[in-house]
Each structure stands twice: as structure tokens, then as C-alpha cells.
Amino acid sequence: MTAVPKTRSVTSRRVETFAIAAAGTAGFWLLNLPLPFLFGPLFASLLAALMHRPLIGFGQVSKAARTILGVAVGSSLTPEVVAQLPQMAASVIFVPVYIAVIGLVGMPFFHKVTGFDRVTSWYAAMPGGLQDMVIFGSEAGGDARALSLIHATRVAIIVTLAPIILHWGFGAELDQPIGAPAASLSLKEMGLMVLAALVGWKGGERIGLFGATILGPMIVTAVLTMAGLIHTRPPAESILAAQFMIGIGIGVGYVGVTLRELRKDVLAGVFFVIILAVLAIVMTAIVVGLGLAPGQEAFLSFAPGGQAEMAVLAIVSGADLGFVVVHHIARIFLVITCAPLAARLFTRQDKSKT
């Protein structure tokens, strides 16, 4: 009689996931490759997932890691930066134009070219948060698995290509200080950062704030920074930990992927990223040409990656973090508020034809 294999526990799967990610980090570190704490776990987890290893994310721990970036952004919103917000409005105006163009190009691509239904096509095209687009799309009747793979592919490729473009296109070095060591920071300020992260995260979730893990801590920290209570970013060790968890999160998105999904969903995501890259470069050229922002900041502001990932790249490249994040907040806000309205319109049109 053949023994039935036992289902592995969540704990053992997370131990394996952590070990694989740590090995990837160590490998990138030893080879002196860029961003080892982000790309090491990302590519190691991605490779393991494609080899059908039963990886799994870290749930609340991953969310907690993202709050670190929210605190980092909030601590950069000093009175001097806030005073520059009106000047950013001229380039922020291009964000809704950018989203509209992406929708006009992406919707026909996914529906007519790759054969997805209209709701799935719409949410696949929208450059919003991965989790938000999957949740909204599935609630509207779209293919949740396809949306997950398409957006995971978008984020993975953008995060991979963006540093190359920053270095070769804009001459940016990705070795800027990400923060001071914890040993050199005030215990009082670090305590306030932890408090801001927890209050902002949980308070944001309670009131239904989109992107609560980043925006909640960002808002609370910005208030404390403006009040003169916080004067520095979170410790460097915590930002490295956030990069590590983000890398794992992207990689495990491919767990269980099939050959059919690779051929249709992932390949569709790859081709759409090429389209997005062209649109992002065009938008960057327009913003820079009009003198609204330097090239590095303009590119990071309109690169359609995840908000957390772009914040990391802004930090390590020395870009104006506040400028970049303001544009991504505008993008995510518009997509989250407008995308469901457009999806309902598609659903009504489909029903009227039946």
C-alpha cells in the first residue's frame, strides 16, 4: 500500500522559503551584484517557484516590512519638501493622462490580442497595486490567477530593468546610503518610528485606507517629522529587511505556475511590460523636456512598478523620495478609485449584448 505524502506545514514551507531567499541574498552579495537584499531573494524565490518548490509568503510579517518604507517616506517629508508640493503639481497633472493612455492601449491588447475577457483585460492593464487589482478584478468577475501572474510579471520586470536604466540612462549609482545604522540612532526616535508604523498601518486598515501598510505609516511619520520629533530615516538594517521581504513577495507570486499559464498569462505580462516601458520613456521625456523634473526623478515617478519597489529604488539611487512617492500615490489613488467604475461600465455593456 502506497503511503500518502503528508501536506507540509506552513512553518516548514516558510523555513524553506526563508532559506532559499537568504541563499540568494548571500549569492548576490558574494558576487558583488547590485541590491543583493532585493534581487537576491527575488530571483532565488522566483527560480524555486518555477521549479515547483512549495514556497509561501510571510503574511503579516511582509506587511510589517512594508510599513518601514512608509516610515522612510514620511521622514523625508520635511517642511522644506512640503513647501515644494505646489511645484510638483505641474508634473502630477500628467499622471491621469498617463493612466488614460495605458488604459486605451492596454485594454485592446489584453482583450483583442491575448484573448482575455473584458474585465480581466481592464484590470490587467491598470498599473495599480498588485493585490488591489487582483481583488477588484476577481470581485468584478475577472480571472484572479491571470491577474496575479500578469501584475507579478509587471512588477518583477520593472524592478529588474529600472536599476539598469537608472545606471546606464541617467548615470545614477545605486549605492547611496539607505539610512544610518541602528546603533547610531536615538532610541526615542526609533520608538516613535515603530509607533508611527503600527498606528499608521492598523489605523489605516481600520478606516479602509488604500495601501495602508505604506500610506498609513507615511502620514503619521510625516506629522511627527513636521513637528520636529523625527529627523532621520529608519535604521539601515530595517530598510534592508524591507527589501528582503519585498523580493520574496514578488518571487512567491509564481508558485504553482503551469506551462499553460507561462505561455499565456506570463507571456502576455512580458509583452505588456514592453508597451509600458515605451509609454514610461515617452512620459519621462515629456516631463523632462518641459523642465518639470530631472530625468532620474521623472523616470522613477512614471515607471509603472509597485509603490514600495519604486520607493526602494529612489532611496538607493539618491533620488528625491518625496517627489517620486507623490506621483505614485496619485497613480495608485486614481487607478483604485476609477478602475472599478470603468469595469462596471464594461460589465453592463456585456450584459446588454446578451
Foldseek 3Di string as FASTA:
>chain_A
DDDDDDDDDLVVQAVVLVVQLVVQLVVCVVVVHPLSLQQRSQVSLQVVQVVQRSHDADPPVLLLLLLLLLLQLLLLLEPVNVVCVVLLVVLLVCLVVLQVVLQVPQQCCCCVPQNFDNLQSNLLSALADQVLSLVLSVVLPGDSLLSLLLQLLLQVVLLVCVVVCCCVVVVFDLAFDLFAAPVPDDPQQLVQLSVLQVCQQVVCVVVVNPPSSRNRSSVSSNVCNHVVNHNTRHHSVSNSVSSNSNSSVSSNSSHPPDPVCCVRRNVSSVVSSVVLVVSLVVSLCVCVVVVSDDSSLSSLQSSSHYLSSSLSSCSSRVHSSNSSNVSSVSSNVCCSVCSSVVSVVSVVVVVVVD
